[in-house]
Protein backbone atom coordinates (compact mmCIF):
# COMPACT_ATOMS: atom_id res chain seq x y z
CA MET A 1 -2.76 30.98 -32.30
CA ILE A 2 -1.30 27.48 -32.22
CA LEU A 3 2.23 28.94 -32.41
CA ILE A 4 1.65 31.01 -29.26
CA GLN A 5 0.46 28.06 -27.15
CA LYS A 6 3.39 25.70 -27.96
CA PRO A 7 6.14 27.88 -26.37
CA LYS A 8 3.99 28.30 -23.23
CA GLY A 9 3.56 24.54 -22.98
CA VAL A 10 7.26 23.89 -23.52
CA PHE A 11 8.18 26.56 -20.95
CA LEU A 12 5.72 25.09 -18.44
CA PHE A 13 7.10 21.56 -19.04
CA ILE A 14 10.72 22.69 -18.56
CA PHE A 15 9.78 24.65 -15.40
CA LEU A 16 7.93 21.69 -13.83
CA PHE A 17 10.70 19.23 -14.78
CA GLY A 18 13.35 21.52 -13.22
CA TRP A 19 11.22 21.96 -10.09
CA VAL A 20 10.87 18.17 -9.65
CA LEU A 21 14.64 17.70 -10.08
CA ALA A 22 15.36 20.44 -7.53
CA ALA A 23 12.95 18.85 -5.06
CA GLN A 24 14.73 15.50 -5.45
CA GLN A 25 18.13 17.08 -4.70
CA ASN A 26 16.96 18.87 -1.53
CA LYS A 27 15.80 15.73 0.27
CA VAL A 28 15.56 15.85 4.05
CA PRO A 29 18.02 13.46 5.74
CA ILE A 30 16.79 10.32 7.48
CA ILE A 31 17.24 9.95 11.25
CA GLY A 32 19.90 7.28 11.70
CA GLU A 33 20.00 7.27 15.49
CA ILE A 34 18.40 9.18 18.36
CA LYS A 35 20.64 9.92 21.34
CA VAL A 36 19.73 11.46 24.69
CA GLU A 37 22.45 13.17 26.73
CA GLY A 38 22.40 14.59 30.25
CA LEU A 39 20.25 12.00 32.01
CA LYS A 40 21.05 11.58 35.70
CA LYS A 41 18.00 10.09 37.40
CA SER A 42 15.53 9.56 34.57
CA GLU A 43 15.54 6.28 32.69
CA ARG A 44 16.16 6.30 28.95
CA SER A 45 13.10 4.09 28.34
CA PHE A 46 10.89 6.72 30.01
CA ILE A 47 12.36 9.52 27.87
CA ASP A 48 11.84 7.38 24.74
CA ILE A 49 8.10 7.30 25.52
CA LEU A 50 8.03 11.11 25.39
CA ILE A 51 9.98 11.33 22.11
CA HIS A 52 7.80 10.63 19.08
CA SER A 53 10.52 11.11 16.45
CA GLU A 54 11.64 7.74 15.12
CA ALA A 55 14.87 6.43 13.65
CA GLY A 56 14.53 5.54 9.98
CA LYS A 57 12.15 8.39 9.18
CA ALA A 58 12.82 11.82 7.69
CA ILE A 59 13.63 14.62 10.11
CA ASP A 60 10.50 16.68 10.75
CA SER A 61 11.34 19.91 12.59
CA SER A 62 7.77 20.40 13.83
CA LEU A 63 7.74 16.89 15.32
CA VAL A 64 11.13 17.48 16.98
CA GLN A 65 9.85 20.79 18.42
CA ALA A 66 6.80 18.95 19.81
CA ASP A 67 9.19 16.40 21.38
CA ILE A 68 11.13 19.24 23.05
CA LEU A 69 7.89 20.75 24.36
CA ARG A 70 6.79 17.38 25.77
CA LEU A 71 10.17 16.94 27.48
CA ILE A 72 10.10 20.42 29.03
CA ARG A 73 6.58 19.88 30.40
CA GLU A 74 7.82 16.87 32.38
CA PRO A 75 8.52 17.95 36.00
CA ALA A 76 11.89 16.15 36.02
CA VAL A 77 13.27 18.17 33.08
CA SER A 78 14.29 21.80 33.52
CA HIS A 79 15.64 22.44 30.01
CA ALA A 80 15.87 20.50 26.75
CA THR A 81 17.42 21.27 23.37
CA TYR A 82 18.18 19.24 20.28
CA GLU A 83 20.99 19.03 17.76
CA ILE A 84 21.03 17.46 14.32
CA ILE A 85 24.44 16.04 13.38
CA GLN A 86 24.82 15.28 9.67
CA ILE A 87 26.48 11.86 9.18
CA ASP A 88 26.34 11.84 5.38
CA GLU A 89 24.08 13.21 2.63
CA LYS A 90 21.20 10.89 3.44
CA GLU A 91 21.56 10.25 7.17
CA ALA A 92 21.68 12.41 10.29
CA GLU A 93 21.83 11.83 14.03
CA LEU A 94 19.29 13.49 16.33
CA VAL A 95 20.69 14.33 19.78
CA PHE A 96 18.54 15.60 22.65
CA HIS A 97 20.39 17.50 25.42
CA ILE A 98 18.47 17.37 28.72
CA GLU A 99 19.05 19.15 32.03
CA GLU A 100 17.19 17.58 34.92
CA ASN A 101 15.63 19.28 37.94
CA PHE A 102 16.36 18.37 41.52
CA THR A 103 13.13 16.53 42.26
CA LEU A 104 13.33 15.74 46.00
CA ILE A 105 11.47 18.50 47.84
CA PRO A 106 11.17 18.42 51.65
CA ALA A 107 8.01 19.54 53.45
CA VAL A 108 7.98 20.77 57.06
CA ASP A 109 4.98 22.35 58.79
CA LEU A 110 4.72 23.14 62.51
CA TRP A 111 1.74 24.69 64.27
CA THR A 112 -0.27 24.71 67.46
CA ARG A 113 -3.83 23.55 67.77
CA VAL A 114 -6.62 24.39 70.17
CA GLU A 115 -5.55 24.19 73.81
CA ASP A 116 -1.88 24.79 72.85
CA GLN A 117 -1.32 21.28 71.55
CA PHE A 118 1.61 20.83 69.18
CA ALA A 119 1.01 19.53 65.64
CA TYR A 120 3.39 18.86 62.75
CA HIS A 121 3.66 17.60 59.21
CA LEU A 122 7.01 16.20 57.98
CA GLY A 123 7.34 14.86 54.48
CA ILE A 124 9.24 14.52 51.27
CA ASN A 125 8.01 14.85 47.68
CA ASP A 126 9.76 13.21 44.73
CA TYR A 127 8.64 14.39 41.30
CA ASN A 128 10.68 11.79 39.39
CA PHE A 129 10.18 8.68 41.53
CA LEU A 130 11.99 5.62 40.13
CA GLY A 131 13.22 7.76 37.21
CA ARG A 132 9.90 7.30 35.38
CA GLY A 133 8.14 10.60 36.11
CA TYR A 134 5.95 9.33 38.94
CA THR A 135 5.15 11.68 41.79
CA ALA A 136 5.64 10.14 45.23
CA VAL A 137 4.68 11.89 48.46
CA PHE A 138 5.52 10.43 51.87
CA PHE A 139 4.65 12.24 55.06
CA LEU A 140 4.19 11.88 58.80
CA GLN A 141 1.48 13.98 60.35
CA LYS A 142 0.25 14.51 63.87
CA LYS A 143 -2.86 16.61 64.30
CA TYR A 144 -5.38 14.72 66.37
CA LEU A 145 -3.97 11.29 65.55
CA PHE A 146 -0.61 10.16 64.26
CA ARG A 147 -0.81 9.41 60.53
CA VAL A 148 1.65 8.07 57.91
CA GLN A 149 0.76 8.24 54.22
CA LEU A 150 2.39 7.39 50.92
CA PHE A 151 0.91 8.57 47.61
CA VAL A 152 2.30 7.55 44.21
CA TRP A 153 0.80 8.69 40.92
CA LYS A 154 1.53 9.42 37.31
CA SER A 155 -1.02 11.85 35.97
CA GLN A 156 -0.40 11.07 32.30
CA PHE A 157 -0.94 7.33 32.54
CA TYR A 158 -2.71 6.15 35.71
CA ASN A 159 -3.22 6.94 39.38
CA VAL A 160 -2.30 4.78 42.34
CA SER A 161 -2.87 5.82 45.94
CA ILE A 162 -1.65 3.74 48.88
CA ARG A 163 -2.62 4.62 52.45
CA VAL A 164 -0.73 3.03 55.32
């Protein structure tokens, strides 16, 4: 019985030792640098807030996919992809390719009120105000009284509303 157990133990030891060596050889490269291409209006510092992958850490594909999802959910971004460029065996470069939306949207409304009085609403909406993902709405409105309003807010961080 002792003779039967020794070959199993030796086989198990050789298998585990080979598995550990194979795991050491297939190491995931480290992110050397993160680049963002295709920015027109957005600021790089704002995009860096949305990207949670960090230089100096191993590339995690699930974390990079979450970064892409976060970028696409931003109103200023219409499409985002990533590319991993291998620099050497241990280091790689992570490049995000971003296509931005046109974020200035005009608003025009014309109507008549009771007693055939003319009313209007003229405005402009910017969904990437100052390149930081803020939403800014400015409009002129005449219903009963003439009114000018400016609203600025960022739903992810804080809200600010200014009435003039």
